[in-house]
Structure formats: C-alpha cells, structure tokens
Amino acid sequence: MSKRKPKSRSYSLRKVGTRELRKSFLIVCEGTKTEPNYFKSFPVPKNVIDIKGLGLDPSKLVENAKKFNQKERYDQVWCVFDRDSWTKNDFNNAIQNAEAEGFGVAYSNEAFELWYILHFEFLNTAIPRNQYLKKLNSLLANSLPGKKYEKNSEIIYEQIFEKQATAIKNAEKLLKQYNPQNPEENNPSTTVHLLVKELNKFVP
C-alpha cells in the first residue's frame, strides 16, 4: 500500500504583521492520552497544531477527521491509530480512506509503543501486545536507571528524545522489509516516523 504525502497548501510559520498564526496541522488520535500526550510534547508552536484524542476505532476516527477538516481546512491532517484488535477490514479501509482524503496516516501494528521501542532497538519480530510494556520497562531501566514506562506518560518524549533519530531509521528499515506492504499483516510495523518528521519541521 502506497504512502502518500498529505496535501499541503504551502503553509508558513511566519507571522504576517501582527496576525496570529492559524492552526494548520491537525492530529487526530485513536487513544485519548498516550498518543496525544506524546505529540503535545513536541516543542512546536501550539497555535498551529491541533491534537485530538478521540477514543474511536480507525474508521470512525477518519470520518471525524474529515468533519474537523471541513470546518477548519487544515494544511495537514494526520490520523493516528493502532492495529490492536480491530478487524482487518476496518484497519486497512481506514488507511485507504484517509489517504484518499489526502490525510497522513501514522499507524502502528500492533501498538503505538512499538515506536518507543524502536528508539532503543530494531524489533522485527512480532510480540504480544502485553509484552510491549515489559520490554519498554527493561529498555528504559537500562537507559535511565530507576525509570520505568508509564502508560499515558507525559514525559516519555523528553526521556527518549535523544534516540529519536535511531527510531526513525529503525522504522524506515522495518517498513522496507515488507514488499509489498500490507499494514494489517505487517507485524511489527509503524509509520509514526512520517508524522514525527513532519512535526520536526515545525520545531523552531
């Protein structure tokens, strides 16, 4: 499945006179805390980024993203969701529908925590979802003695930021292993790095 870059209308972060920057970047997340907390931690101008945690299945998430975009007309819209226990059709159809709208998709198979793990190591073997937290605890403890991973953490971005470049390389390497790509079957895999790279363009 191809990964299309989200539509853009050549937005700029520059102010025109004293006019405030408008919101131009929408991130709609399946989770209500884990993903929103992570993306809110990016040091980007908050008045151009709108992050929503909806707690919906992938298909409903995309439909809500469409509604938000119709009202605001963002320059970029991203949908963030996991494979988890959603049906194959729901997961793949959500990706196809989002891309048809020109939205970016930051999916994870199976869970968002895969993105965190890739900061520390290259993982190309599927593991049960309940093992993600155990692995993250071990990796964090080795990197930051005495620390452990907390679900819905508000400081995980800062804790692992220095390893972000490694995570991007690992995520790209992981995707290249699947040819052709089939997101619902490619376990583990993630495209969160695509959104991260776009967000980094907003960093002053």
C-alpha atoms as a PDB file:
ATOM      1  CA  MET A   1       0.000   0.000   0.000  1.00  0.00           C
ATOM      2  CA  SER A   2       1.475   3.327  -1.070  1.00  0.00           C
ATOM      3  CA  LYS A   3       2.163   6.065   1.432  1.00  0.00           C
ATOM      4  CA  ARG A   4       1.029   9.390   0.015  1.00  0.00           C
ATOM      5  CA  LYS A   5       2.279  12.598   1.483  1.00  0.00           C
ATOM      6  CA  PRO A   6      -0.592  14.598   2.959  1.00  0.00           C
ATOM      7  CA  LYS A   7      -1.912  17.512   0.936  1.00  0.00           C
ATOM      8  CA  SER A   8      -0.335  20.816   1.709  1.00  0.00           C
ATOM      9  CA  ARG A   9      -1.153  24.364   0.727  1.00  0.00           C
ATOM     10  CA  SER A  10       2.404  25.617   1.304  1.00  0.00           C
ATOM     11  CA  TYR A  11       1.721  26.797   4.804  1.00  0.00           C
ATOM     12  CA  SER A  12       4.218  29.058   6.512  1.00  0.00           C
ATOM     13  CA  LEU A  13       5.141  29.563  10.136  1.00  0.00           C
ATOM     14  CA  ARG A  14       5.890  33.235   9.571  1.00  0.00           C
ATOM     15  CA  LYS A  15       3.660  35.906  11.025  1.00  0.00           C
ATOM     16  CA  VAL A  16       2.137  38.439   8.689  1.00  0.00           C
ATOM     17  CA  GLY A  17       2.321  41.729  10.535  1.00  0.00           C
ATOM     18  CA  THR A  18       0.861  41.089  13.970  1.00  0.00           C
ATOM     19  CA  ARG A  19      -1.633  38.461  12.812  1.00  0.00           C
ATOM     20  CA  GLU A  20      -1.514  35.275  14.858  1.00  0.00           C
ATOM     21  CA  LEU A  21      -0.581  32.034  13.156  1.00  0.00           C
ATOM     22  CA  ARG A  22      -3.643  29.972  12.380  1.00  0.00           C
ATOM     23  CA  LYS A  23      -3.955  26.306  13.222  1.00  0.00           C
ATOM     24  CA  SER A  24      -2.719  24.434  10.188  1.00  0.00           C
ATOM     25  CA  PHE A  25      -1.815  20.978  11.454  1.00  0.00           C
ATOM     26  CA  LEU A  26      -4.431  18.541  12.799  1.00  0.00           C
ATOM     27  CA  ILE A  27      -3.519  15.263  14.524  1.00  0.00           C
ATOM     28  CA  VAL A  28      -6.472  13.003  15.354  1.00  0.00           C
ATOM     29  CA  CYS A  29      -5.561  10.087  17.631  1.00  0.00           C
ATOM     30  CA  GLU A  30      -7.295   6.816  18.428  1.00  0.00           C
ATOM     31  CA  GLY A  31      -6.061   6.934  22.013  1.00  0.00           C
ATOM     32  CA  THR A  32      -7.237   9.621  24.405  1.00  0.00           C
ATOM     33  CA  LYS A  33      -3.951  10.056  26.295  1.00  0.00           C
ATOM     34  CA  THR A  34      -0.920   8.018  25.182  1.00  0.00           C
ATOM     35  CA  GLU A  35      -0.581   9.419  21.665  1.00  0.00           C
ATOM     36  CA  PRO A  36      -1.882  12.954  22.384  1.00  0.00           C
ATOM     37  CA  ASN A  37       0.488  13.310  25.350  1.00  0.00           C
ATOM     38  CA  TYR A  38       3.437  12.306  23.194  1.00  0.00           C
ATOM     39  CA  PHE A  39       2.667  14.648  20.315  1.00  0.00           C
ATOM     40  CA  LYS A  40       1.797  17.543  22.617  1.00  0.00           C
ATOM     41  CA  SER A  41       5.332  17.283  23.986  1.00  0.00           C
ATOM     42  CA  PHE A  42       6.921  18.333  20.700  1.00  0.00           C
ATOM     43  CA  PRO A  43       8.416  21.835  21.021  1.00  0.00           C
ATOM     44  CA  VAL A  44       6.330  23.295  18.216  1.00  0.00           C
ATOM     45  CA  PRO A  45       4.163  26.430  18.182  1.00  0.00           C
ATOM     46  CA  LYS A  46       0.950  25.360  19.883  1.00  0.00           C
ATOM     47  CA  ASN A  47      -1.167  27.810  17.921  1.00  0.00           C
ATOM     48  CA  VAL A  48      -0.551  25.953  14.662  1.00  0.00           C
ATOM     49  CA  ILE A  49      -1.047  22.406  15.985  1.00  0.00           C
ATOM     50  CA  ASP A  50      -4.417  20.918  16.947  1.00  0.00           C
ATOM     51  CA  ILE A  51      -4.289  17.500  18.652  1.00  0.00           C
ATOM     52  CA  LYS A  52      -7.405  15.483  19.475  1.00  0.00           C
ATOM     53  CA  GLY A  53      -7.655  12.148  21.310  1.00  0.00           C
ATOM     54  CA  LEU A  54     -10.998  10.609  20.391  1.00  0.00           C
ATOM     55  CA  GLY A  55     -11.008   7.013  21.640  1.00  0.00           C
ATOM     56  CA  LEU A  56     -12.625   5.725  18.425  1.00  0.00           C
ATOM     57  CA  ASP A  57     -12.000   2.823  16.057  1.00  0.00           C
ATOM     58  CA  PRO A  58      -9.895   3.636  12.953  1.00  0.00           C
ATOM     59  CA  SER A  59     -12.804   4.087  10.527  1.00  0.00           C
ATOM     60  CA  LYS A  60     -14.740   6.421  12.822  1.00  0.00           C
ATOM     61  CA  LEU A  61     -11.506   8.273  13.532  1.00  0.00           C
ATOM     62  CA  VAL A  62     -11.036   9.034   9.836  1.00  0.00           C
ATOM     63  CA  GLU A  63     -14.664  10.123   9.468  1.00  0.00           C
ATOM     64  CA  ASN A  64     -14.255  12.555  12.364  1.00  0.00           C
ATOM     65  CA  ALA A  65     -11.011  13.851  10.868  1.00  0.00           C
ATOM     66  CA  LYS A  66     -12.953  14.646   7.685  1.00  0.00           C
ATOM     67  CA  LYS A  67     -15.533  16.605   9.674  1.00  0.00           C
ATOM     68  CA  PHE A  68     -12.896  18.578  11.556  1.00  0.00           C
ATOM     69  CA  ASN A  69     -11.123  19.397   8.311  1.00  0.00           C
ATOM     70  CA  GLN A  70     -14.321  20.561   6.615  1.00  0.00           C
ATOM     71  CA  LYS A  71     -14.816  23.109   9.379  1.00  0.00           C
ATOM     72  CA  GLU A  72     -11.238  24.344   9.741  1.00  0.00           C
ATOM     73  CA  ARG A  73      -9.480  23.391   6.473  1.00  0.00           C
ATOM     74  CA  TYR A  74      -6.110  22.435   7.904  1.00  0.00           C
ATOM     75  CA  ASP A  75      -2.979  22.320   5.786  1.00  0.00           C
ATOM     76  CA  GLN A  76      -2.145  18.834   7.013  1.00  0.00           C
ATOM     77  CA  VAL A  77      -4.378  16.238   8.675  1.00  0.00           C
ATOM     78  CA  TRP A  78      -2.958  13.106  10.301  1.00  0.00           C
ATOM     79  CA  CYS A  79      -4.790  10.064  11.653  1.00  0.00           C
ATOM     80  CA  VAL A  80      -3.015   8.073  14.373  1.00  0.00           C
ATOM     81  CA  PHE A  81      -4.223   4.586  15.242  1.00  0.00           C
ATOM     82  CA  ASP A  82      -3.059   1.059  16.074  1.00  0.00           C
ATOM     83  CA  ARG A  83      -3.818  -2.374  14.671  1.00  0.00           C
ATOM     84  CA  ASP A  84      -4.742  -3.689  18.133  1.00  0.00           C
ATOM     85  CA  SER A  85      -7.825  -5.913  17.981  1.00  0.00           C
ATOM     86  CA  TRP A  86      -9.631  -4.010  15.220  1.00  0.00           C
ATOM     87  CA  THR A  87     -10.819  -6.066  12.255  1.00  0.00           C
ATOM     88  CA  LYS A  88      -8.586  -6.359   9.201  1.00  0.00           C
ATOM     89  CA  ASN A  89     -11.108  -4.551   7.037  1.00  0.00           C
ATOM     90  CA  ASP A  90     -11.545  -1.698   9.489  1.00  0.00           C
ATOM     91  CA  PHE A  91      -7.802  -1.155   9.789  1.00  0.00           C
ATOM     92  CA  ASN A  92      -6.949  -1.305   6.072  1.00  0.00           C
ATOM     93  CA  ASN A  93     -10.078   0.575   4.972  1.00  0.00           C
ATOM     94  CA  ALA A  94      -9.311   3.366   7.424  1.00  0.00           C
ATOM     95  CA  ILE A  95      -5.851   3.757   5.907  1.00  0.00           C
ATOM     96  CA  GLN A  96      -7.234   3.761   2.363  1.00  0.00           C
ATOM     97  CA  ASN A  97      -9.996   6.245   3.205  1.00  0.00           C
ATOM     98  CA  ALA A  98      -7.576   8.573   4.972  1.00  0.00           C
ATOM     99  CA  GLU A  99      -5.122   8.540   2.075  1.00  0.00           C
ATOM    100  CA  ALA A 100      -7.971   9.124  -0.389  1.00  0.00           C
ATOM    101  CA  GLU A 101      -8.692  12.346   1.514  1.00  0.00           C
ATOM    102  CA  GLY A 102      -5.040  13.347   1.329  1.00  0.00           C
ATOM    103  CA  PHE A 103      -4.561  12.723   5.058  1.00  0.00           C
ATOM    104  CA  GLY A 104      -1.358  11.360   6.534  1.00  0.00           C
ATOM    105  CA  VAL A 105      -1.571   8.067   8.436  1.00  0.00           C
ATOM    106  CA  ALA A 106       0.614   7.207  11.423  1.00  0.00           C
ATOM    107  CA  TYR A 107      -0.369   3.625  12.149  1.00  0.00           C
ATOM    108  CA  SER A 108       1.265   1.042  14.378  1.00  0.00           C
ATOM    109  CA  ASN A 109       1.000  -2.715  14.168  1.00  0.00           C
ATOM    110  CA  GLU A 110       0.370  -3.751  16.821  1.00  0.00           C
ATOM    111  CA  ALA A 111       0.643  -0.874  19.281  1.00  0.00           C
ATOM    112  CA  PHE A 112       1.921   2.696  19.468  1.00  0.00           C
ATOM    113  CA  GLU A 113       4.561   1.603  21.997  1.00  0.00           C
ATOM    114  CA  LEU A 114       6.410  -0.064  19.109  1.00  0.00           C
ATOM    115  CA  TRP A 115       7.540   3.451  18.168  1.00  0.00           C
ATOM    116  CA  TYR A 116       9.051   3.884  21.628  1.00  0.00           C
ATOM    117  CA  ILE A 117      10.837   0.526  21.458  1.00  0.00           C
ATOM    118  CA  LEU A 118      12.427   1.462  18.130  1.00  0.00           C
ATOM    119  CA  HIS A 119      14.248   4.272  19.922  1.00  0.00           C
ATOM    120  CA  PHE A 120      16.293   1.609  21.685  1.00  0.00           C
ATOM    121  CA  GLU A 121      16.450  -1.363  19.337  1.00  0.00           C
ATOM    122  CA  PHE A 122      15.401  -2.709  15.964  1.00  0.00           C
ATOM    123  CA  LEU A 123      12.437  -5.012  16.535  1.00  0.00           C
ATOM    124  CA  ASN A 124      11.328  -7.067  13.538  1.00  0.00           C
ATOM    125  CA  THR A 125       9.684  -9.987  15.322  1.00  0.00           C
ATOM    126  CA  ALA A 126       6.039  -9.895  16.385  1.00  0.00           C
ATOM    127  CA  ILE A 127       5.425  -9.969  20.122  1.00  0.00           C
ATOM    128  CA  PRO A 128       2.118  -9.973  22.074  1.00  0.00           C
ATOM    129  CA  ARG A 129       0.783  -6.531  22.966  1.00  0.00           C
ATOM    130  CA  ASN A 130       1.136  -7.252  26.668  1.00  0.00           C
ATOM    131  CA  GLN A 131       4.876  -7.745  26.146  1.00  0.00           C
ATOM    132  CA  TYR A 132       5.402  -4.214  24.840  1.00  0.00           C
ATOM    133  CA  LEU A 133       5.212  -2.683  28.308  1.00  0.00           C
ATOM    134  CA  LYS A 134       7.549  -5.293  29.787  1.00  0.00           C
ATOM    135  CA  LYS A 135      10.105  -4.687  27.057  1.00  0.00           C
ATOM    136  CA  LEU A 136       9.844  -0.915  27.407  1.00  0.00           C
ATOM    137  CA  ASN A 137      10.368  -1.138  31.153  1.00  0.00           C
ATOM    138  CA  SER A 138      13.548  -3.123  30.595  1.00  0.00           C
ATOM    139  CA  LEU A 139      14.850  -0.781  27.893  1.00  0.00           C
ATOM    140  CA  LEU A 140      14.124   2.345  29.901  1.00  0.00           C
ATOM    141  CA  ALA A 141      15.696   0.883  33.043  1.00  0.00           C
ATOM    142  CA  ASN A 142      18.893   0.156  31.143  1.00  0.00           C
ATOM    143  CA  SER A 143      18.986   3.645  29.661  1.00  0.00           C
ATOM    144  CA  LEU A 144      17.655   5.580  32.652  1.00  0.00           C
ATOM    145  CA  PRO A 145      18.325   3.621  35.874  1.00  0.00           C
ATOM    146  CA  GLY A 146      15.353   3.586  38.185  1.00  0.00           C
ATOM    147  CA  LYS A 147      12.897   4.645  35.489  1.00  0.00           C
ATOM    148  CA  LYS A 148      10.048   2.581  34.068  1.00  0.00           C
ATOM    149  CA  TYR A 149       7.488   3.136  31.353  1.00  0.00           C
ATOM    150  CA  GLU A 150       4.165   4.539  32.476  1.00  0.00           C
ATOM    151  CA  LYS A 151       1.152   4.249  30.228  1.00  0.00           C
ATOM    152  CA  ASN A 152      -0.116   7.692  29.177  1.00  0.00           C
ATOM    153  CA  SER A 153       3.208   9.205  30.230  1.00  0.00           C
ATOM    154  CA  GLU A 154       3.534  12.962  29.780  1.00  0.00           C
ATOM    155  CA  ILE A 155       7.345  12.870  29.873  1.00  0.00           C
ATOM    156  CA  ILE A 156       8.211   9.972  27.562  1.00  0.00           C
ATOM    157  CA  TYR A 157       9.077  12.391  24.738  1.00  0.00           C
ATOM    158  CA  GLU A 158      11.769  14.036  26.854  1.00  0.00           C
ATOM    159  CA  GLN A 159      13.008  10.696  28.195  1.00  0.00           C
ATOM    160  CA  ILE A 160      13.745   9.220  24.777  1.00  0.00           C
ATOM    161  CA  PHE A 161      14.187  12.303  22.578  1.00  0.00           C
ATOM    162  CA  GLU A 162      17.933  11.846  22.141  1.00  0.00           C
ATOM    163  CA  LYS A 163      17.259   8.488  20.473  1.00  0.00           C
ATOM    164  CA  GLN A 164      14.662   9.796  18.038  1.00  0.00           C
ATOM    165  CA  ALA A 165      16.956   9.669  15.002  1.00  0.00           C
ATOM    166  CA  THR A 166      17.590   5.999  15.755  1.00  0.00           C
ATOM    167  CA  ALA A 167      13.853   5.331  15.957  1.00  0.00           C
ATOM    168  CA  ILE A 168      13.277   6.954  12.568  1.00  0.00           C
ATOM    169  CA  LYS A 169      15.996   4.840  10.955  1.00  0.00           C
ATOM    170  CA  ASN A 170      14.648   1.664  12.570  1.00  0.00           C
ATOM    171  CA  ALA A 171      11.071   2.412  11.478  1.00  0.00           C
ATOM    172  CA  GLU A 172      12.196   3.055   7.899  1.00  0.00           C
ATOM    173  CA  LYS A 173      14.261  -0.133   7.892  1.00  0.00           C
ATOM    174  CA  LEU A 174      11.321  -2.094   9.255  1.00  0.00           C
ATOM    175  CA  LEU A 175       8.939  -0.925   6.527  1.00  0.00           C
ATOM    176  CA  LYS A 176      11.430  -1.831   3.801  1.00  0.00           C
ATOM    177  CA  GLN A 177      11.245  -5.461   4.928  1.00  0.00           C
ATOM    178  CA  TYR A 178       7.661  -5.721   3.696  1.00  0.00           C
ATOM    179  CA  ASN A 179       7.262  -5.909  -0.068  1.00  0.00           C
ATOM    180  CA  PRO A 180       4.528  -5.406  -0.952  1.00  0.00           C
ATOM    181  CA  GLN A 181       3.314  -3.637   2.168  1.00  0.00           C
ATOM    182  CA  ASN A 182       0.087  -4.804   3.796  1.00  0.00           C
ATOM    183  CA  PRO A 183      -0.307  -2.812   7.039  1.00  0.00           C
ATOM    184  CA  GLU A 184      -2.701  -5.179   8.827  1.00  0.00           C
ATOM    185  CA  GLU A 185      -0.385  -8.160   8.232  1.00  0.00           C
ATOM    186  CA  ASN A 186       2.975  -6.389   8.644  1.00  0.00           C
ATOM    187  CA  ASN A 187       3.609  -7.072  12.321  1.00  0.00           C
ATOM    188  CA  PRO A 188       5.572  -5.281  13.620  1.00  0.00           C
ATOM    189  CA  SER A 189       5.461  -2.093  11.569  1.00  0.00           C
ATOM    190  CA  THR A 190       4.760   1.612  12.033  1.00  0.00           C
ATOM    191  CA  THR A 191       4.556   4.853  10.098  1.00  0.00           C
ATOM    192  CA  VAL A 192       4.654   7.115  13.153  1.00  0.00           C
ATOM    193  CA  HIS A 193       8.076   8.308  11.987  1.00  0.00           C
ATOM    194  CA  LEU A 194       6.434  10.005   8.993  1.00  0.00           C
ATOM    195  CA  LEU A 195       4.387  12.205  11.304  1.00  0.00           C
ATOM    196  CA  VAL A 196       7.378  12.813  13.572  1.00  0.00           C
ATOM    197  CA  LYS A 197       9.429  14.042  10.611  1.00  0.00           C
ATOM    198  CA  GLU A 198       6.650  16.458   9.640  1.00  0.00           C
ATOM    199  CA  LEU A 199       6.328  17.754  13.206  1.00  0.00           C
ATOM    200  CA  ASN A 200      10.064  18.338  13.372  1.00  0.00           C
ATOM    201  CA  LYS A 201       9.678  20.833  10.538  1.00  0.00           C
ATOM    202  CA  PHE A 202       7.694  22.987  12.980  1.00  0.00           C
ATOM    203  CA  VAL A 203      10.425  22.980  15.633  1.00  0.00           C
ATOM    204  CA  PRO A 204      11.937  26.486  15.850  1.00  0.00           C
END
